[in-house]
C-alpha cells in the first residue's frame, strides 16, 4: 500500500496472490487488499490478478479486479507462464483503455486437493475446455478454481471466472461462465483420489511390505503445502512402535519443533542424541521420545526447493531403520534438493513419509 500511495503515475496494478488467504475477523485477504488498493487508485486503473487454482474466490472479487487467471497445473508448475499471461493481459487492457469486469459463477462443489490432479480426469478435460474458451472471439481468459476445502468460510467452494476482452463481450463471458460451471458440476463424480487411502498403521504396513521401492506415504492431514503446520507425530509413533521393518529403510521428512531442533543442534554429527519430539499442541502432536544418532545437519529449503531459498535449519536423527528430520520451521519436502540440503540421499530410502497432499513432480517420478 505504501508503494501505491507513493507512486503518482500508476497505469495498472499486477498482483500474484493465492486466492484462499483468510484473515481472522477480516475474511478474504485478497478481497480486502483489492478494496484498499481501489480506495487509492480508483476504478479507472486496471488490476490484473494471478491466483492459485486452489483459491476460494469471494464473489465480490470480480468487482475489484479486471483480469483474473488461475494456474493450469496440479501440482503447480506453470506459475511463471500464468504470470506472463496476466502481465500481458494487463498491458493490453492499459493500451486499449478497456473497462473489463470478469464473469463469476460459484460451483457448489468442495473437493480436497488430492482428488483433483492435473494429469487425471476430469481436470484434463476441464483444462482443455478452458483452452477452447480462450480461443473464442471476445474472451481473454477463463479459469476454474478447485477451491480450498480446509478453509471454514462461507465462500469455500469451486468457482469459474471468465474474462471478456472488452465491455461489449460481457454477456458472452457470463453465458460461458454459466456453461463452464455446469460442465464442471456434471463431472463431479469423476474426481477421485490418486493414491490408496489408508489409516496410519495400515499405510506403514502396506509400504513396508511392498515389493517395490521407494514408496511414499503422504501425511495429508498435516499437509504443509496446504496450510498445515507440520507438527504431527502420529505416523512417527506408529513407526517407533514397530519391531519388523522387513529390511526396509524409512525417512520421515520433516517434523516441525523448534525446541527439539535447538536441543539437537547443540550436538555434533555422530553423537548420541536423546530428545522429545512433538510440541504437544493436540493429540496428533504428542511428544515422542527419540534416542538415536545425529546423522546430519542441514538447511530447510523453501517451497520449491531452490538452492538459494533457505528458510530454516534441520537435524536428522537415525533411530534403527528410521531417519527422522527435525526442522525449526514448517515446510514441505517436495523436491530432491530438499532432502539433499538436509544432508540426506533420497535414494537411500525404501519408504519416505512426507507432509503434503499429492506428490510434486520430482518425487512423483521416483515413486513406485
Protein backbone atom coordinates (compact mmCIF):
# COMPACT_ATOMS: atom_id res chain seq x y z
CA UNK A 1 0.00 0.00 0.00
CA UNK A 2 2.89 2.37 0.72
CA UNK A 3 4.29 1.69 -2.76
CA UNK A 4 0.95 2.59 -4.35
CA UNK A 5 0.46 5.70 -2.22
CA UNK A 6 3.95 6.96 -3.07
CA UNK A 7 3.66 6.42 -6.84
CA UNK A 8 1.99 9.26 -8.71
CA UNK A 9 1.73 7.72 -12.19
CA UNK A 10 0.15 4.27 -11.94
CA UNK A 11 -1.33 2.90 -15.16
CA UNK A 12 -2.04 -0.63 -13.92
CA UNK A 13 -1.59 -2.95 -10.96
CA UNK A 14 -0.40 -6.55 -11.27
CA UNK A 15 -0.71 -8.93 -8.32
CA UNK A 16 0.20 -12.55 -7.67
CA UNK A 17 -1.71 -13.81 -4.63
CA UNK A 18 -3.15 -17.18 -3.60
CA UNK A 19 -6.92 -16.91 -3.54
CA UNK A 20 -7.67 -18.78 -0.30
CA UNK A 21 -5.93 -16.44 2.13
CA UNK A 22 -8.23 -15.84 5.08
CA UNK A 23 -7.64 -13.42 7.95
CA UNK A 24 -9.48 -13.76 11.26
CA UNK A 25 -12.10 -11.01 11.71
CA UNK A 26 -11.46 -9.82 8.14
CA UNK A 27 -12.31 -12.70 5.81
CA UNK A 28 -10.84 -12.85 2.30
CA UNK A 29 -7.43 -11.17 2.44
CA UNK A 30 -7.33 -10.85 -1.35
CA UNK A 31 -10.65 -9.03 -1.42
CA UNK A 32 -9.64 -6.73 1.43
CA UNK A 33 -6.33 -5.88 -0.25
CA UNK A 34 -8.09 -5.06 -3.54
CA UNK A 35 -10.60 -2.85 -1.72
CA UNK A 36 -7.75 -0.92 -0.08
CA UNK A 37 -5.97 -0.54 -3.44
CA UNK A 38 -9.13 0.76 -5.11
CA UNK A 39 -9.50 3.41 -2.40
CA UNK A 40 -6.16 4.82 -3.57
CA UNK A 41 -6.20 4.33 -7.35
CA UNK A 42 -9.94 4.43 -8.05
CA UNK A 43 -11.71 2.21 -10.57
CA UNK A 44 -10.30 3.55 -13.86
CA UNK A 45 -6.92 1.80 -13.48
CA UNK A 46 -6.95 -1.93 -14.37
CA UNK A 47 -5.88 -4.59 -11.87
CA UNK A 48 -4.61 -7.98 -13.04
CA UNK A 49 -4.68 -10.85 -10.58
CA UNK A 50 -2.78 -14.16 -10.75
CA UNK A 51 -4.18 -16.82 -8.41
CA UNK A 52 -3.62 -20.41 -7.33
CA UNK A 53 -6.15 -22.88 -8.71
CA UNK A 54 -6.98 -23.81 -5.09
CA UNK A 55 -8.42 -20.38 -4.38
CA UNK A 56 -11.75 -19.88 -2.62
CA UNK A 57 -12.89 -16.98 -4.74
CA UNK A 58 -15.07 -14.44 -2.94
CA UNK A 59 -17.98 -13.46 -5.22
CA UNK A 60 -17.13 -9.76 -4.80
CA UNK A 61 -13.57 -10.21 -6.08
CA UNK A 62 -14.63 -9.66 -9.71
CA UNK A 63 -15.93 -6.20 -8.75
CA UNK A 64 -12.42 -5.06 -7.88
CA UNK A 65 -10.14 -6.96 -10.31
CA UNK A 66 -10.40 -6.63 -14.08
CA UNK A 67 -8.31 -9.67 -15.00
CA UNK A 68 -8.21 -12.92 -13.01
CA UNK A 69 -6.47 -16.13 -14.05
CA UNK A 70 -5.52 -19.34 -12.26
CA UNK A 71 -2.83 -21.95 -12.82
CA UNK A 72 -3.46 -24.81 -15.26
CA UNK A 73 -1.36 -27.42 -13.49
CA UNK A 74 -1.74 -29.50 -10.31
CA UNK A 75 0.90 -29.83 -8.88
CA UNK A 76 1.71 -26.26 -9.90
CA UNK A 77 4.45 -25.97 -12.49
CA UNK A 78 3.08 -23.09 -14.59
CA UNK A 79 3.32 -20.14 -12.19
CA UNK A 80 5.77 -18.34 -14.48
CA UNK A 81 3.64 -18.92 -17.56
CA UNK A 82 0.49 -17.74 -15.77
CA UNK A 83 2.30 -14.62 -14.56
CA UNK A 84 3.40 -13.76 -18.09
CA UNK A 85 -0.15 -14.19 -19.41
CA UNK A 86 -1.73 -11.98 -16.74
CA UNK A 87 1.00 -9.37 -17.22
CA UNK A 88 0.38 -9.28 -20.99
CA UNK A 89 -3.39 -9.05 -20.46
CA UNK A 90 -2.79 -6.08 -18.13
CA UNK A 91 -0.65 -4.34 -20.77
CA UNK A 92 -3.39 -4.98 -23.35
CA UNK A 93 -6.04 -3.51 -21.04
CA UNK A 94 -3.91 -0.40 -20.46
CA UNK A 95 -3.20 0.11 -24.17
CA UNK A 96 -6.82 -0.48 -25.22
CA UNK A 97 -8.23 1.54 -22.31
CA UNK A 98 -10.86 -1.17 -21.77
CA UNK A 99 -13.13 -1.36 -18.73
CA UNK A 100 -13.41 -5.11 -18.13
CA UNK A 101 -15.37 -6.94 -15.44
CA UNK A 102 -14.94 -10.72 -15.21
CA UNK A 103 -17.93 -13.06 -15.01
CA UNK A 104 -18.09 -15.23 -11.88
CA UNK A 105 -20.12 -18.35 -11.12
CA UNK A 106 -19.81 -20.45 -7.99
CA UNK A 107 -19.64 -24.22 -8.41
CA UNK A 108 -21.43 -25.92 -5.47
CA UNK A 109 -18.67 -28.46 -5.01
CA UNK A 110 -16.00 -28.82 -2.31
CA UNK A 111 -13.00 -31.02 -3.18
CA UNK A 112 -9.80 -31.80 -1.36
CA UNK A 113 -6.70 -31.10 -3.44
CA UNK A 114 -5.81 -34.80 -3.51
CA UNK A 115 -8.96 -35.50 -5.55
CA UNK A 116 -8.06 -33.21 -8.43
CA UNK A 117 -4.71 -33.74 -10.18
CA UNK A 118 -3.79 -32.06 -13.44
CA UNK A 119 -2.84 -35.21 -15.35
CA UNK A 120 -6.01 -37.08 -14.36
CA UNK A 121 -9.62 -36.76 -15.40
CA UNK A 122 -11.69 -34.73 -15.11
CA UNK A 123 -9.11 -31.91 -14.78
CA UNK A 124 -7.51 -32.90 -18.10
CA UNK A 125 -10.80 -32.29 -19.91
CA UNK A 126 -11.57 -29.16 -17.88
CA UNK A 127 -8.19 -27.64 -18.77
CA UNK A 128 -8.82 -28.48 -22.44
CA UNK A 129 -12.20 -26.77 -22.19
CA UNK A 130 -10.56 -23.64 -20.75
CA UNK A 131 -8.17 -23.57 -23.71
CA UNK A 132 -11.08 -23.85 -26.15
CA UNK A 133 -12.91 -20.98 -24.42
CA UNK A 134 -9.85 -18.74 -24.68
CA UNK A 135 -9.84 -19.30 -28.46
CA UNK A 136 -13.29 -17.72 -28.73
CA UNK A 137 -13.59 -14.20 -30.06
CA UNK A 138 -14.20 -11.75 -27.26
CA UNK A 139 -12.74 -13.87 -24.44
CA UNK A 140 -9.37 -13.04 -22.86
CA UNK A 141 -9.05 -15.87 -20.37
CA UNK A 142 -11.05 -18.43 -18.41
CA UNK A 143 -10.30 -20.15 -15.12
CA UNK A 144 -11.61 -22.98 -12.98
CA UNK A 145 -10.86 -22.79 -9.27
CA UNK A 146 -10.96 -26.10 -7.38
CA UNK A 147 -11.24 -24.26 -4.09
CA UNK A 148 -9.59 -24.87 -0.74
CA UNK A 149 -11.58 -27.37 1.30
CA UNK A 150 -9.81 -26.78 4.62
CA UNK A 151 -10.84 -23.14 4.97
CA UNK A 152 -14.01 -22.90 7.06
CA UNK A 153 -15.53 -19.91 5.26
CA UNK A 154 -18.89 -19.34 3.60
CA UNK A 155 -17.34 -18.99 0.14
CA UNK A 156 -15.31 -22.22 0.37
CA UNK A 157 -16.16 -23.92 -2.92
CA UNK A 158 -15.22 -24.29 -6.54
CA UNK A 159 -15.84 -21.45 -8.98
CA UNK A 160 -15.26 -20.30 -12.53
CA UNK A 161 -14.15 -16.90 -13.79
CA UNK A 162 -14.34 -15.80 -17.44
CA UNK A 163 -12.76 -12.51 -18.53
CA UNK A 164 -14.08 -10.72 -21.64
CA UNK A 165 -11.79 -8.78 -23.99
CA UNK A 166 -13.98 -5.69 -23.69
CA UNK A 167 -17.22 -4.48 -22.16
CA UNK A 168 -19.29 -5.46 -25.19
CA UNK A 169 -18.40 -9.15 -24.65
CA UNK A 170 -19.55 -9.19 -21.00
CA UNK A 171 -22.85 -11.01 -21.79
CA UNK A 172 -20.89 -13.65 -23.71
CA UNK A 173 -18.49 -14.13 -20.78
CA UNK A 174 -21.44 -14.52 -18.39
CA UNK A 175 -23.06 -17.17 -20.61
CA UNK A 176 -19.79 -19.08 -20.98
CA UNK A 177 -19.20 -18.94 -17.22
CA UNK A 178 -22.63 -20.48 -16.55
CA UNK A 179 -21.98 -23.25 -19.08
CA UNK A 180 -18.49 -23.91 -17.73
CA UNK A 181 -19.75 -24.16 -14.14
CA UNK A 182 -22.38 -26.65 -15.25
CA UNK A 183 -19.76 -28.65 -17.19
CA UNK A 184 -17.58 -28.94 -14.07
CA UNK A 185 -20.52 -29.84 -11.84
CA UNK A 186 -21.63 -32.60 -14.19
CA UNK A 187 -18.18 -34.18 -13.84
CA UNK A 188 -18.26 -34.10 -10.02
CA UNK A 189 -18.36 -37.90 -9.62
CA UNK A 190 -15.21 -38.23 -11.75
CA UNK A 191 -12.94 -36.60 -9.15
CA UNK A 192 -11.07 -39.47 -7.48
CA UNK A 193 -8.19 -39.87 -5.06
CA UNK A 194 -4.99 -40.74 -6.92
CA UNK A 195 -3.43 -42.90 -4.18
CA UNK A 196 -4.76 -45.56 -1.78
CA UNK A 197 -6.41 -44.00 1.29
CA UNK A 198 -5.23 -45.80 4.42
CA UNK A 199 -5.15 -45.24 8.16
CA UNK A 200 -1.63 -44.62 9.56
CA UNK A 201 -0.90 -48.16 10.80
CA UNK A 202 -2.14 -49.80 7.61
CA UNK A 203 -0.31 -47.27 5.43
CA UNK A 204 3.02 -48.06 7.08
CA UNK A 205 2.44 -51.82 6.96
CA UNK A 206 1.49 -51.65 3.27
CA UNK A 207 4.51 -49.52 2.37
CA UNK A 208 6.99 -51.71 4.26
CA UNK A 209 5.62 -54.91 2.71
CA UNK A 210 5.61 -53.51 -0.83
CA UNK A 211 7.82 -55.42 -3.26
CA UNK A 212 8.93 -52.18 -4.93
CA UNK A 213 10.66 -49.07 -3.62
CA UNK A 214 10.59 -46.23 -2.99
CA UNK A 215 7.06 -45.97 -1.66
CA UNK A 216 5.88 -42.56 -0.47
CA UNK A 217 3.40 -42.07 2.35
CA UNK A 218 1.67 -38.70 2.29
CA UNK A 219 0.78 -37.41 5.74
CA UNK A 220 -2.01 -35.42 4.14
CA UNK A 221 -3.63 -34.49 7.46
CA UNK A 222 -0.54 -32.37 8.15
CA UNK A 223 -0.01 -31.00 4.64
CA UNK A 224 2.39 -28.05 4.93
CA UNK A 225 1.90 -27.13 1.26
CA UNK A 226 -1.80 -26.65 2.07
CA UNK A 227 -1.61 -24.56 5.22
CA UNK A 228 -0.89 -27.13 7.94
CA UNK A 229 1.93 -26.62 10.44
CA UNK A 230 3.93 -29.85 10.11
CA UNK A 231 3.80 -30.81 13.79
CA UNK A 232 2.05 -34.19 13.71
CA UNK A 233 3.89 -37.16 15.25
CA UNK A 234 1.16 -39.76 14.60
CA UNK A 235 2.95 -41.66 11.83
CA UNK A 236 6.26 -41.46 13.67
CA UNK A 237 4.69 -43.05 16.75
CA UNK A 238 3.45 -45.92 14.59
CA UNK A 239 6.92 -46.41 13.15
CA UNK A 240 8.69 -46.32 16.50
CA UNK A 241 6.31 -48.92 17.95
CA UNK A 242 7.20 -51.43 15.22
CA UNK A 243 9.66 -54.26 15.55
CA UNK A 244 9.65 -55.57 11.97
CA UNK A 245 10.80 -53.39 9.04
CA UNK A 246 11.50 -56.23 6.57
CA UNK A 247 14.94 -54.77 5.98
CA UNK A 248 13.47 -51.51 4.72
CA UNK A 249 14.93 -48.05 5.41
CA UNK A 250 12.48 -45.26 6.28
CA UNK A 251 12.72 -41.46 6.22
CA UNK A 252 10.31 -39.05 7.92
CA UNK A 253 10.71 -35.54 6.49
CA UNK A 254 10.09 -33.35 8.34
CA UNK A 255 8.56 -32.63 11.75
CA UNK A 256 8.48 -29.02 12.91
CA UNK A 257 9.58 -28.50 16.52
CA UNK A 258 11.83 -25.54 17.37
CA UNK A 259 12.73 -26.76 20.85
CA UNK A 260 13.66 -30.23 19.65
CA UNK A 261 15.73 -28.72 16.84
CA UNK A 262 17.60 -26.46 19.27
CA UNK A 263 18.37 -29.42 21.53
CA UNK A 264 19.71 -31.48 18.60
CA UNK A 265 21.68 -28.66 17.02
CA UNK A 266 23.99 -28.48 20.03
CA UNK A 267 25.37 -31.91 19.21
CA UNK A 268 27.89 -32.93 16.56
CA UNK A 269 27.12 -35.35 13.75
CA UNK A 270 27.77 -38.88 15.06
CA UNK A 271 26.83 -38.05 18.65
CA UNK A 272 24.21 -39.97 20.60
CA UNK A 273 21.07 -37.84 20.93
CA UNK A 274 18.13 -38.04 23.35
CA UNK A 275 15.27 -35.64 22.66
CA UNK A 276 11.49 -35.30 22.95
CA UNK A 277 9.91 -34.53 19.56
CA UNK A 278 6.42 -33.06 19.40
CA UNK A 279 5.09 -29.68 20.53
CA UNK A 280 2.08 -31.18 22.39
CA UNK A 281 -0.43 -28.84 20.77
CA UNK A 282 -3.04 -31.57 20.36
CA UNK A 283 -3.45 -35.34 20.30
CA UNK A 284 -1.70 -35.63 16.93
CA UNK A 285 1.40 -33.73 18.08
CA UNK A 286 2.02 -35.52 21.38
CA UNK A 287 5.74 -35.75 22.19
CA UNK A 288 7.67 -38.87 21.22
CA UNK A 289 10.92 -39.87 22.92
CA UNK A 290 13.77 -40.13 20.42
CA UNK A 291 17.05 -41.91 21.21
CA UNK A 292 19.45 -42.20 18.31
CA UNK A 293 22.47 -40.83 16.48
CA UNK A 294 22.68 -37.36 14.95
CA UNK A 295 23.08 -38.29 11.30
CA UNK A 296 23.12 -34.89 9.60
CA UNK A 297 22.69 -31.16 9.96
CA UNK A 298 21.35 -29.22 7.03
CA UNK A 299 19.24 -26.49 5.53
CA UNK A 300 15.49 -26.32 5.17
CA UNK A 301 14.70 -25.03 1.70
CA UNK A 302 11.64 -23.01 0.73
CA UNK A 303 8.55 -24.12 -1.16
CA UNK A 304 10.17 -25.02 -4.49
CA UNK A 305 13.47 -26.25 -3.02
CA UNK A 306 15.64 -23.71 -4.85
CA UNK A 307 19.28 -23.74 -3.75
CA UNK A 308 19.19 -20.03 -2.90
CA UNK A 309 15.98 -20.20 -0.89
CA UNK A 310 16.92 -21.33 2.61
CA UNK A 311 14.09 -20.76 5.10
CA UNK A 312 15.28 -22.74 8.12
CA UNK A 313 17.50 -25.48 9.52
CA UNK A 314 17.27 -29.23 10.00
CA UNK A 315 18.76 -32.05 12.04
CA UNK A 316 18.35 -35.69 11.08
CA UNK A 317 18.41 -38.41 13.76
CA UNK A 318 18.92 -42.09 12.90
CA UNK A 319 16.90 -44.47 15.09
CA UNK A 320 17.40 -48.02 13.83
CA UNK A 321 15.78 -48.27 10.42
CA UNK A 322 14.28 -44.77 10.65
CA UNK A 323 15.82 -41.39 9.84
CA UNK A 324 13.81 -38.53 11.34
CA UNK A 325 14.21 -34.96 10.09
CA UNK A 326 13.51 -32.25 12.67
CA UNK A 327 13.05 -28.69 11.38
CA UNK A 328 12.86 -25.29 13.07
CA UNK A 329 10.22 -24.16 10.58
CA UNK A 330 7.19 -25.79 8.99
CA UNK A 331 7.86 -26.51 5.33
CA UNK A 332 7.45 -29.47 3.00
CA UNK A 333 10.00 -31.73 1.33
CA UNK A 334 8.70 -31.68 -2.26
CA UNK A 335 11.96 -31.92 -4.27
CA UNK A 336 15.14 -33.99 -4.29
CA UNK A 337 17.04 -30.88 -3.24
CA UNK A 338 15.00 -30.64 -0.03
CA UNK A 339 16.50 -33.99 1.03
CA UNK A 340 19.97 -33.16 -0.29
CA UNK A 341 20.04 -29.82 1.53
CA UNK A 342 19.09 -31.62 4.75
CA UNK A 343 22.16 -33.84 4.30
CA UNK A 344 20.23 -36.90 3.14
CA UNK A 345 20.27 -39.02 -0.02
CA UNK A 346 16.74 -39.77 -1.20
CA UNK A 347 17.83 -42.97 -2.95
CA UNK A 348 18.87 -44.48 0.40
CA UNK A 349 15.26 -44.98 1.46
CA UNK A 350 12.60 -47.57 0.67
CA UNK A 351 9.77 -45.69 2.39
CA UNK A 352 9.55 -41.90 2.60
CA UNK A 353 6.94 -40.09 4.68
CA UNK A 354 6.28 -36.51 3.58
CA UNK A 355 3.86 -33.86 4.81
CA UNK A 356 1.91 -32.93 1.70
CA UNK A 357 -1.25 -33.93 -0.12
CA UNK A 358 -0.21 -35.12 -3.57
CA UNK A 359 3.39 -35.73 -4.62
CA UNK A 360 5.15 -32.99 -6.57
CA UNK A 361 6.80 -33.86 -9.92
CA UNK A 362 10.34 -34.84 -8.82
CA UNK A 363 9.07 -37.18 -6.10
CA UNK A 364 6.25 -38.49 -8.24
CA UNK A 365 8.72 -39.50 -10.94
CA UNK A 366 10.68 -41.57 -8.40
CA UNK A 367 7.73 -43.10 -6.60
CA UNK A 368 6.93 -46.72 -7.40
